[in-house]
Amino acid sequence: SSGINAEWPLRPGFVEHIEKGYPCIAEHVPDESGKLPLLKTSSDPMKAVCGISRLWVFSQCRRKKIASRLMDCVRANFVFGCTISKVKIAFSDPTENGRLFAQTYCGTPHFLIYR
């Protein structure tokens, strides 16, 4: 079949070299309609090394550390001979699920975003 299924739970993402990211600063408190605000960032850039443009895991395979293990592999192999710190990883325009993942993976609500 041509679709993504549980046998192929991870869609390849796109990883690229970057030089800066911007810390997320939004409160992420839902408005009166229940929608979360768009992500807002600081205007002050921080040094970043690796940009994650896309990362997708089949919905039935989520919460099994698949994306976290992939990110660990990226951090360990993106730059030969060193492991990239989580504070040097930035995400491009994350969805709400992506925001939750980035926040959990990086251990902070102020993870980096790049454009």
Protein backbone atom coordinates (compact mmCIF):
# COMPACT_ATOMS: atom_id res chain seq x y z
CA SER A 1 0.00 0.00 0.00
CA SER A 2 1.15 3.56 -0.58
CA GLY A 3 -0.01 4.98 2.76
CA ILE A 4 1.85 5.31 6.02
CA ASN A 5 0.92 2.57 8.47
CA ALA A 6 2.04 1.01 11.73
CA GLU A 7 4.71 -0.99 9.89
CA TRP A 8 6.27 2.31 8.77
CA PRO A 9 5.43 4.63 11.68
CA LEU A 10 7.92 7.41 10.97
CA ARG A 11 7.90 9.74 8.01
CA PRO A 12 11.41 11.04 7.34
CA GLY A 13 11.93 14.59 8.43
CA PHE A 14 14.19 17.23 7.07
CA VAL A 15 17.25 18.28 9.03
CA GLU A 16 19.41 21.23 8.04
CA HIS A 17 22.37 23.22 9.25
CA ILE A 18 21.34 26.58 10.71
CA GLU A 19 23.14 29.29 12.65
CA LYS A 20 20.42 30.79 14.83
CA GLY A 21 17.04 30.19 16.39
CA TYR A 22 14.67 32.31 18.43
CA PRO A 23 13.40 31.27 21.85
CA CYS A 24 9.67 30.64 22.04
CA ILE A 25 8.12 33.14 24.46
CA ALA A 26 4.35 32.63 24.12
CA GLU A 27 2.41 31.63 27.20
CA HIS A 28 0.47 29.00 25.22
CA VAL A 29 -2.69 29.63 27.21
CA PRO A 30 -5.86 28.91 25.21
CA ASP A 31 -8.01 31.92 24.37
CA GLU A 32 -11.72 32.08 25.20
CA SER A 33 -12.55 29.90 22.16
CA GLY A 34 -10.11 27.22 23.34
CA LYS A 35 -7.56 27.85 20.58
CA LEU A 36 -3.88 28.20 21.40
CA PRO A 37 -2.14 31.34 20.12
CA LEU A 38 0.42 31.27 17.35
CA LEU A 39 3.92 30.73 18.63
CA LYS A 40 5.69 33.97 19.42
CA THR A 41 9.42 34.24 19.62
CA SER A 42 11.97 36.55 21.12
CA SER A 43 13.55 39.00 18.69
CA ASP A 44 16.98 38.11 20.09
CA PRO A 45 18.53 35.16 18.25
CA MET A 46 20.48 32.42 19.97
CA LYS A 47 23.13 30.19 18.45
CA ALA A 48 21.72 26.99 16.94
CA VAL A 49 23.34 24.24 14.92
CA CYS A 50 20.57 21.99 13.67
CA GLY A 51 17.13 22.86 12.30
CA ILE A 52 14.29 20.34 12.26
CA SER A 53 11.88 21.24 9.50
CA ARG A 54 9.56 18.23 9.58
CA LEU A 55 9.11 15.24 11.85
CA TRP A 56 6.04 13.04 11.75
CA VAL A 57 5.06 9.82 13.53
CA PHE A 58 1.95 7.78 12.69
CA SER A 59 -0.72 8.73 15.23
CA GLN A 60 -1.13 5.20 16.60
CA CYS A 61 2.63 4.96 17.21
CA ARG A 62 3.02 8.23 19.07
CA ARG A 63 4.06 8.45 22.73
CA LYS A 64 6.44 5.51 22.27
CA LYS A 65 9.63 7.62 22.12
CA ILE A 66 10.07 7.06 18.36
CA ALA A 67 10.57 10.76 17.59
CA SER A 68 12.76 11.19 20.68
CA ARG A 69 15.02 8.34 19.59
CA LEU A 70 15.24 9.80 16.09
CA MET A 71 16.17 13.20 17.56
CA ASP A 72 18.81 11.53 19.73
CA CYS A 73 20.29 9.98 16.55
CA VAL A 74 20.25 13.35 14.79
CA ARG A 75 22.00 15.00 17.75
CA ALA A 76 24.64 12.24 17.87
CA ASN A 77 25.35 12.10 14.12
CA PHE A 78 24.62 15.50 12.56
CA VAL A 79 28.07 16.92 13.41
CA PHE A 80 30.86 14.38 13.18
CA GLY A 81 32.52 13.69 16.50
CA CYS A 82 30.15 15.54 18.81
CA THR A 83 26.64 15.36 20.19
CA ILE A 84 24.59 18.51 19.73
CA SER A 85 23.05 19.91 22.90
CA LYS A 86 19.25 20.12 22.95
CA VAL A 87 19.57 23.89 23.38
CA LYS A 88 21.23 24.09 19.93
CA ILE A 89 18.29 22.40 18.13
CA ALA A 90 15.58 24.56 16.56
CA PHE A 91 12.21 23.63 15.08
CA SER A 92 10.55 25.23 12.07
CA ASP A 93 6.93 26.32 12.47
CA PRO A 94 5.78 23.44 14.69
CA THR A 95 2.16 22.33 14.81
CA GLU A 96 0.49 22.11 18.22
CA ASN A 97 1.64 18.49 18.54
CA GLY A 98 5.08 19.56 17.36
CA ARG A 99 5.17 22.31 19.97
CA LEU A 100 4.30 19.81 22.70
CA PHE A 101 6.99 17.43 21.44
CA ALA A 102 9.66 20.16 21.20
CA GLN A 103 8.79 21.46 24.65
CA THR A 104 8.98 17.99 26.19
CA TYR A 105 12.07 16.87 24.26
CA CYS A 106 14.03 20.06 24.93
CA GLY A 107 12.83 20.27 28.53
CA THR A 108 11.68 23.87 28.26
CA PRO A 109 8.74 25.88 26.90
CA HIS A 110 11.37 28.25 25.46
CA PHE A 111 12.73 25.85 22.81
CA LEU A 112 14.20 27.45 19.68
CA ILE A 113 12.26 28.19 16.51
CA TYR A 114 13.80 29.04 13.14
CA ARG A 115 12.26 30.33 9.94
